[in-house]
PDB file of all heavy atoms in Angstrom:
ATOM      1  N   LEU A   1      -2.422 -17.642  13.109  1.00  0.00           N
ATOM      2  CA  LEU A   1      -1.417 -16.586  12.915  1.00  0.00           C
ATOM      3  C   LEU A   1      -2.044 -15.260  12.496  1.00  0.00           C
ATOM      4  O   LEU A   1      -1.431 -14.210  12.681  1.00  0.00           O
ATOM      5  CB  LEU A   1      -0.407 -17.014  11.845  1.00  0.00           C
ATOM      6  CG  LEU A   1       0.679 -18.002  12.280  1.00  0.00           C
ATOM      7  CD1 LEU A   1       1.435 -18.508  11.064  1.00  0.00           C
ATOM      8  CD2 LEU A   1       1.630 -17.355  13.279  1.00  0.00           C
ATOM      9  N   ASP A   2      -3.237 -15.316  11.915  1.00  0.00           N
ATOM     10  CA  ASP A   2      -3.871 -14.080  11.436  1.00  0.00           C
ATOM     11  C   ASP A   2      -4.079 -13.106  12.586  1.00  0.00           C
ATOM     12  O   ASP A   2      -4.510 -13.488  13.679  1.00  0.00           O
ATOM     13  CB  ASP A   2      -5.206 -14.393  10.769  1.00  0.00           C
ATOM     14  CG  ASP A   2      -5.028 -15.122   9.447  1.00  0.00           C
ATOM     15  OD1 ASP A   2      -3.916 -15.087   8.896  1.00  0.00           O
ATOM     16  OD2 ASP A   2      -6.005 -15.735   8.967  1.00  0.00           O
ATOM     17  N   ASP A   3      -3.769 -11.860  12.314  1.00  0.00           N
ATOM     18  CA  ASP A   3      -3.919 -10.826  13.335  1.00  0.00           C
ATOM     19  C   ASP A   3      -5.392 -10.496  13.570  1.00  0.00           C
ATOM     20  O   ASP A   3      -6.220 -10.537  12.646  1.00  0.00           O
ATOM     21  CB  ASP A   3      -3.178  -9.545  12.920  1.00  0.00           C
ATOM     22  CG  ASP A   3      -1.669  -9.746  12.878  1.00  0.00           C
ATOM     23  OD1 ASP A   3      -1.168 -10.547  13.695  1.00  0.00           O
ATOM     24  OD2 ASP A   3      -1.007  -9.115  12.035  1.00  0.00           O
ATOM     25  N   ASP A   4      -5.723 -10.194  14.818  1.00  0.00           N
ATOM     26  CA  ASP A   4      -7.079  -9.772  15.152  1.00  0.00           C
ATOM     27  C   ASP A   4      -7.266  -8.302  14.804  1.00  0.00           C
ATOM     28  O   ASP A   4      -6.299  -7.538  14.710  1.00  0.00           O
ATOM     29  CB  ASP A   4      -7.327  -9.969  16.654  1.00  0.00           C
ATOM     30  CG  ASP A   4      -7.228 -11.426  17.066  1.00  0.00           C
ATOM     31  OD1 ASP A   4      -7.789 -12.273  16.352  1.00  0.00           O
ATOM     32  OD2 ASP A   4      -6.582 -11.714  18.083  1.00  0.00           O
ATOM     33  N   PRO A   5      -8.516  -7.891  14.590  1.00  0.00           N
ATOM     34  CA  PRO A   5      -8.773  -6.454  14.391  1.00  0.00           C
ATOM     35  C   PRO A   5      -8.253  -5.664  15.594  1.00  0.00           C
ATOM     36  O   PRO A   5      -8.334  -6.119  16.739  1.00  0.00           O
ATOM     37  CB  PRO A   5     -10.299  -6.384  14.290  1.00  0.00           C
ATOM     38  CG  PRO A   5     -10.723  -7.762  13.909  1.00  0.00           C
ATOM     39  CD  PRO A   5      -9.745  -8.694  14.538  1.00  0.00           C
ATOM     40  N   GLU A   6      -7.713  -4.505  15.316  1.00  0.00           N
ATOM     41  CA  GLU A   6      -7.145  -3.690  16.393  1.00  0.00           C
ATOM     42  C   GLU A   6      -8.186  -2.677  16.871  1.00  0.00           C
ATOM     43  O   GLU A   6      -8.535  -1.746  16.159  1.00  0.00           O
ATOM     44  CB  GLU A   6      -5.877  -2.977  15.927  1.00  0.00           C
ATOM     45  CG  GLU A   6      -4.727  -3.936  15.625  1.00  0.00           C
ATOM     46  CD  GLU A   6      -3.426  -3.188  15.314  1.00  0.00           C
ATOM     47  OE1 GLU A   6      -3.429  -1.948  15.464  1.00  0.00           O
ATOM     48  OE2 GLU A   6      -2.457  -3.834  14.908  1.00  0.00           O
ATOM     49  N   PHE A   7      -8.707  -2.900  18.059  1.00  0.00           N
ATOM     50  CA  PHE A   7      -9.580  -1.929  18.716  1.00  0.00           C
ATOM     51  C   PHE A   7      -9.508  -2.171  20.209  1.00  0.00           C
ATOM     52  O   PHE A   7      -9.075  -3.234  20.667  1.00  0.00           O
ATOM     53  CB  PHE A   7     -11.028  -2.030  18.202  1.00  0.00           C
ATOM     54  CG  PHE A   7     -11.653  -3.401  18.359  1.00  0.00           C
ATOM     55  CD1 PHE A   7     -12.092  -3.862  19.597  1.00  0.00           C
ATOM     56  CD2 PHE A   7     -11.825  -4.226  17.255  1.00  0.00           C
ATOM     57  CE1 PHE A   7     -12.664  -5.114  19.733  1.00  0.00           C
ATOM     58  CE2 PHE A   7     -12.397  -5.476  17.393  1.00  0.00           C
ATOM     59  CZ  PHE A   7     -12.813  -5.926  18.631  1.00  0.00           C
ATOM     60  N   ARG A   8      -9.932  -1.189  20.942  1.00  0.00           N
ATOM     61  CA  ARG A   8      -9.958  -1.301  22.405  1.00  0.00           C
ATOM     62  C   ARG A   8     -11.331  -0.883  22.895  1.00  0.00           C
ATOM     63  O   ARG A   8     -11.872   0.142  22.473  1.00  0.00           O
ATOM     64  CB  ARG A   8      -8.880  -0.418  23.036  1.00  0.00           C
ATOM     65  CG  ARG A   8      -7.447  -0.844  22.685  1.00  0.00           C
ATOM     66  CD  ARG A   8      -6.420  -0.047  23.466  1.00  0.00           C
ATOM     67  NE  ARG A   8      -6.568   1.389  23.214  1.00  0.00           N
ATOM     68  CZ  ARG A   8      -6.087   2.340  24.021  1.00  0.00           C
ATOM     69  NH1 ARG A   8      -5.467   2.001  25.132  1.00  0.00           N
ATOM     70  NH2 ARG A   8      -6.245   3.609  23.717  1.00  0.00           N
ATOM     71  N   LEU A   9     -11.883  -1.707  23.765  1.00  0.00           N
ATOM     72  CA  LEU A   9     -13.225  -1.474  24.277  1.00  0.00           C
ATOM     73  C   LEU A   9     -13.173  -1.141  25.765  1.00  0.00           C
ATOM     74  O   LEU A   9     -12.369  -1.709  26.509  1.00  0.00           O
ATOM     75  CB  LEU A   9     -14.095  -2.714  24.079  1.00  0.00           C
ATOM     76  CG  LEU A   9     -14.269  -3.236  22.646  1.00  0.00           C
ATOM     77  CD1 LEU A   9     -15.076  -4.530  22.668  1.00  0.00           C
ATOM     78  CD2 LEU A   9     -14.946  -2.193  21.773  1.00  0.00           C
ATOM     79  N   THR A  10     -14.069  -0.254  26.163  1.00  0.00           N
ATOM     80  CA  THR A  10     -14.247  -0.039  27.596  1.00  0.00           C
ATOM     81  C   THR A  10     -15.050  -1.204  28.166  1.00  0.00           C
ATOM     82  O   THR A  10     -15.609  -2.010  27.434  1.00  0.00           O
ATOM     83  CB  THR A  10     -14.988   1.274  27.854  1.00  0.00           C
ATOM     84  OG1 THR A  10     -16.322   1.166  27.312  1.00  0.00           O
ATOM     85  CG2 THR A  10     -14.278   2.456  27.206  1.00  0.00           C
ATOM     86  N   ALA A  11     -15.122  -1.276  29.476  1.00  0.00           N
ATOM     87  CA  ALA A  11     -15.876  -2.357  30.112  1.00  0.00           C
ATOM     88  C   ALA A  11     -17.340  -2.314  29.706  1.00  0.00           C
ATOM     89  O   ALA A  11     -17.960  -3.350  29.434  1.00  0.00           O
ATOM     90  CB  ALA A  11     -15.728  -2.270  31.627  1.00  0.00           C
ATOM     91  N   SER A  12     -17.915  -1.132  29.648  1.00  0.00           N
ATOM     92  CA  SER A  12     -19.328  -1.025  29.275  1.00  0.00           C
ATOM     93  C   SER A  12     -19.540  -1.404  27.819  1.00  0.00           C
ATOM     94  O   SER A  12     -20.542  -2.043  27.467  1.00  0.00           O
ATOM     95  CB  SER A  12     -19.836   0.398  29.537  1.00  0.00           C
ATOM     96  OG  SER A  12     -19.109   1.342  28.760  1.00  0.00           O
ATOM     97  N   GLU A  13     -18.593  -1.040  26.930  1.00  0.00           N
ATOM     98  CA  GLU A  13     -18.705  -1.413  25.518  1.00  0.00           C
ATOM     99  C   GLU A  13     -18.569  -2.936  25.349  1.00  0.00           C
ATOM    100  O   GLU A  13     -19.273  -3.541  24.540  1.00  0.00           O
ATOM    101  CB  GLU A  13     -17.633  -0.697  24.706  1.00  0.00           C
ATOM    102  CG  GLU A  13     -17.874   0.807  24.571  1.00  0.00           C
ATOM    103  CD  GLU A  13     -16.689   1.536  23.990  1.00  0.00           C
ATOM    104  OE1 GLU A  13     -15.559   1.006  24.079  1.00  0.00           O
ATOM    105  OE2 GLU A  13     -16.875   2.641  23.453  1.00  0.00           O
ATOM    106  N   LEU A  14     -17.683  -3.521  26.131  1.00  0.00           N
ATOM    107  CA  LEU A  14     -17.506  -4.965  26.070  1.00  0.00           C
ATOM    108  C   LEU A  14     -18.760  -5.688  26.545  1.00  0.00           C
ATOM    109  O   LEU A  14     -19.210  -6.656  25.927  1.00  0.00           O
ATOM    110  CB  LEU A  14     -16.302  -5.381  26.919  1.00  0.00           C
ATOM    111  CG  LEU A  14     -15.999  -6.879  26.966  1.00  0.00           C
ATOM    112  CD1 LEU A  14     -15.656  -7.407  25.578  1.00  0.00           C
ATOM    113  CD2 LEU A  14     -14.860  -7.171  27.938  1.00  0.00           C
ATOM    114  N   ALA A  15     -19.344  -5.199  27.624  1.00  0.00           N
ATOM    115  CA  ALA A  15     -20.566  -5.818  28.148  1.00  0.00           C
ATOM    116  C   ALA A  15     -21.692  -5.706  27.132  1.00  0.00           C
ATOM    117  O   ALA A  15     -22.424  -6.671  26.882  1.00  0.00           O
ATOM    118  CB  ALA A  15     -20.957  -5.156  29.464  1.00  0.00           C
ATOM    119  N   ARG A  16     -21.837  -4.552  26.518  1.00  0.00           N
ATOM    120  CA  ARG A  16     -22.907  -4.345  25.551  1.00  0.00           C
ATOM    121  C   ARG A  16     -22.688  -5.192  24.297  1.00  0.00           C
ATOM    122  O   ARG A  16     -23.628  -5.768  23.757  1.00  0.00           O
ATOM    123  CB  ARG A  16     -22.983  -2.865  25.185  1.00  0.00           C
ATOM    124  CG  ARG A  16     -24.154  -2.522  24.256  1.00  0.00           C
ATOM    125  CD  ARG A  16     -24.347  -1.025  24.112  1.00  0.00           C
ATOM    126  NE  ARG A  16     -23.192  -0.377  23.516  1.00  0.00           N
ATOM    127  CZ  ARG A  16     -22.325   0.383  24.193  1.00  0.00           C
ATOM    128  NH1 ARG A  16     -22.478   0.581  25.494  1.00  0.00           N
ATOM    129  NH2 ARG A  16     -21.300   0.948  23.579  1.00  0.00           N
ATOM    130  N   SER A  17     -21.443  -5.309  23.839  1.00  0.00           N
ATOM    131  CA  SER A  17     -21.143  -6.057  22.615  1.00  0.00           C
ATOM    132  C   SER A  17     -21.278  -7.553  22.802  1.00  0.00           C
ATOM    133  O   SER A  17     -21.572  -8.282  21.844  1.00  0.00           O
ATOM    134  CB  SER A  17     -19.723  -5.728  22.140  1.00  0.00           C
ATOM    135  OG  SER A  17     -19.585  -4.358  21.845  1.00  0.00           O
ATOM    136  N   SER A  18     -21.057  -8.027  24.013  1.00  0.00           N
ATOM    137  CA  SER A  18     -21.084  -9.461  24.274  1.00  0.00           C
ATOM    138  C   SER A  18     -22.403  -9.948  24.850  1.00  0.00           C
ATOM    139  O   SER A  18     -22.668 -11.155  24.871  1.00  0.00           O
ATOM    140  CB  SER A  18     -19.953  -9.844  25.227  1.00  0.00           C
ATOM    141  OG  SER A  18     -20.127  -9.189  26.483  1.00  0.00           O
ATOM    142  N   GLY A  19     -23.213  -9.037  25.343  1.00  0.00           N
ATOM    143  CA  GLY A  19     -24.461  -9.436  25.971  1.00  0.00           C
ATOM    144  C   GLY A  19     -24.326  -9.788  27.433  1.00  0.00           C
ATOM    145  O   GLY A  19     -25.251 -10.351  28.033  1.00  0.00           O
ATOM    146  N   LEU A  20     -23.184  -9.462  28.033  1.00  0.00           N
ATOM    147  CA  LEU A  20     -22.969  -9.727  29.455  1.00  0.00           C
ATOM    148  C   LEU A  20     -23.484  -8.570  30.294  1.00  0.00           C
ATOM    149  O   LEU A  20     -23.408  -7.406  29.876  1.00  0.00           O
ATOM    150  CB  LEU A  20     -21.476  -9.931  29.746  1.00  0.00           C
ATOM    151  CG  LEU A  20     -20.821 -11.204  29.204  1.00  0.00           C
ATOM    152  CD1 LEU A  20     -19.318 -11.131  29.417  1.00  0.00           C
ATOM    153  CD2 LEU A  20     -21.398 -12.433  29.880  1.00  0.00           C
ATOM    154  N   ASP A  21     -23.972  -8.878  31.480  1.00  0.00           N
ATOM    155  CA  ASP A  21     -24.285  -7.799  32.408  1.00  0.00           C
ATOM    156  C   ASP A  21     -23.008  -7.405  33.142  1.00  0.00           C
ATOM    157  O   ASP A  21     -22.059  -8.200  33.240  1.00  0.00           O
ATOM    158  CB  ASP A  21     -25.361  -8.246  33.401  1.00  0.00           C
ATOM    159  CG  ASP A  21     -24.929  -9.446  34.212  1.00  0.00           C
ATOM    160  OD1 ASP A  21     -24.143  -9.280  35.159  1.00  0.00           O
ATOM    161  OD2 ASP A  21     -25.361 -10.572  33.881  1.00  0.00           O
ATOM    162  N   PRO A  22     -22.934  -6.180  33.661  1.00  0.00           N
ATOM    163  CA  PRO A  22     -21.702  -5.704  34.301  1.00  0.00           C
ATOM    164  C   PRO A  22     -21.221  -6.601  35.434  1.00  0.00           C
ATOM    165  O   PRO A  22     -20.005  -6.802  35.601  1.00  0.00           O
ATOM    166  CB  PRO A  22     -22.092  -4.316  34.808  1.00  0.00           C
ATOM    167  CG  PRO A  22     -23.182  -3.873  33.875  1.00  0.00           C
ATOM    168  CD  PRO A  22     -23.947  -5.115  33.558  1.00  0.00           C
ATOM    169  N   ALA A  23     -22.130  -7.162  36.208  1.00  0.00           N
ATOM    170  CA  ALA A  23     -21.716  -8.012  37.324  1.00  0.00           C
ATOM    171  C   ALA A  23     -20.998  -9.267  36.829  1.00  0.00           C
ATOM    172  O   ALA A  23     -19.984  -9.692  37.399  1.00  0.00           O
ATOM    173  CB  ALA A  23     -22.931  -8.391  38.172  1.00  0.00           C
ATOM    174  N   THR A  24     -21.524  -9.873  35.757  1.00  0.00           N
ATOM    175  CA  THR A  24     -20.887 -11.073  35.217  1.00  0.00           C
ATOM    176  C   THR A  24     -19.541 -10.732  34.610  1.00  0.00           C
ATOM    177  O   THR A  24     -18.572 -11.491  34.750  1.00  0.00           O
ATOM    178  CB  THR A  24     -21.793 -11.724  34.150  1.00  0.00           C
ATOM    179  OG1 THR A  24     -23.051 -12.050  34.736  1.00  0.00           O
ATOM    180  CG2 THR A  24     -21.151 -12.978  33.592  1.00  0.00           C
TER     181      THR A  24
END
């Protein structure tokens, strides 16, 4: 039930934060 932190990431920010390459 706990709320997640509220933020929005761009695709490039998401890839960088997760360690994914853009193609994946």
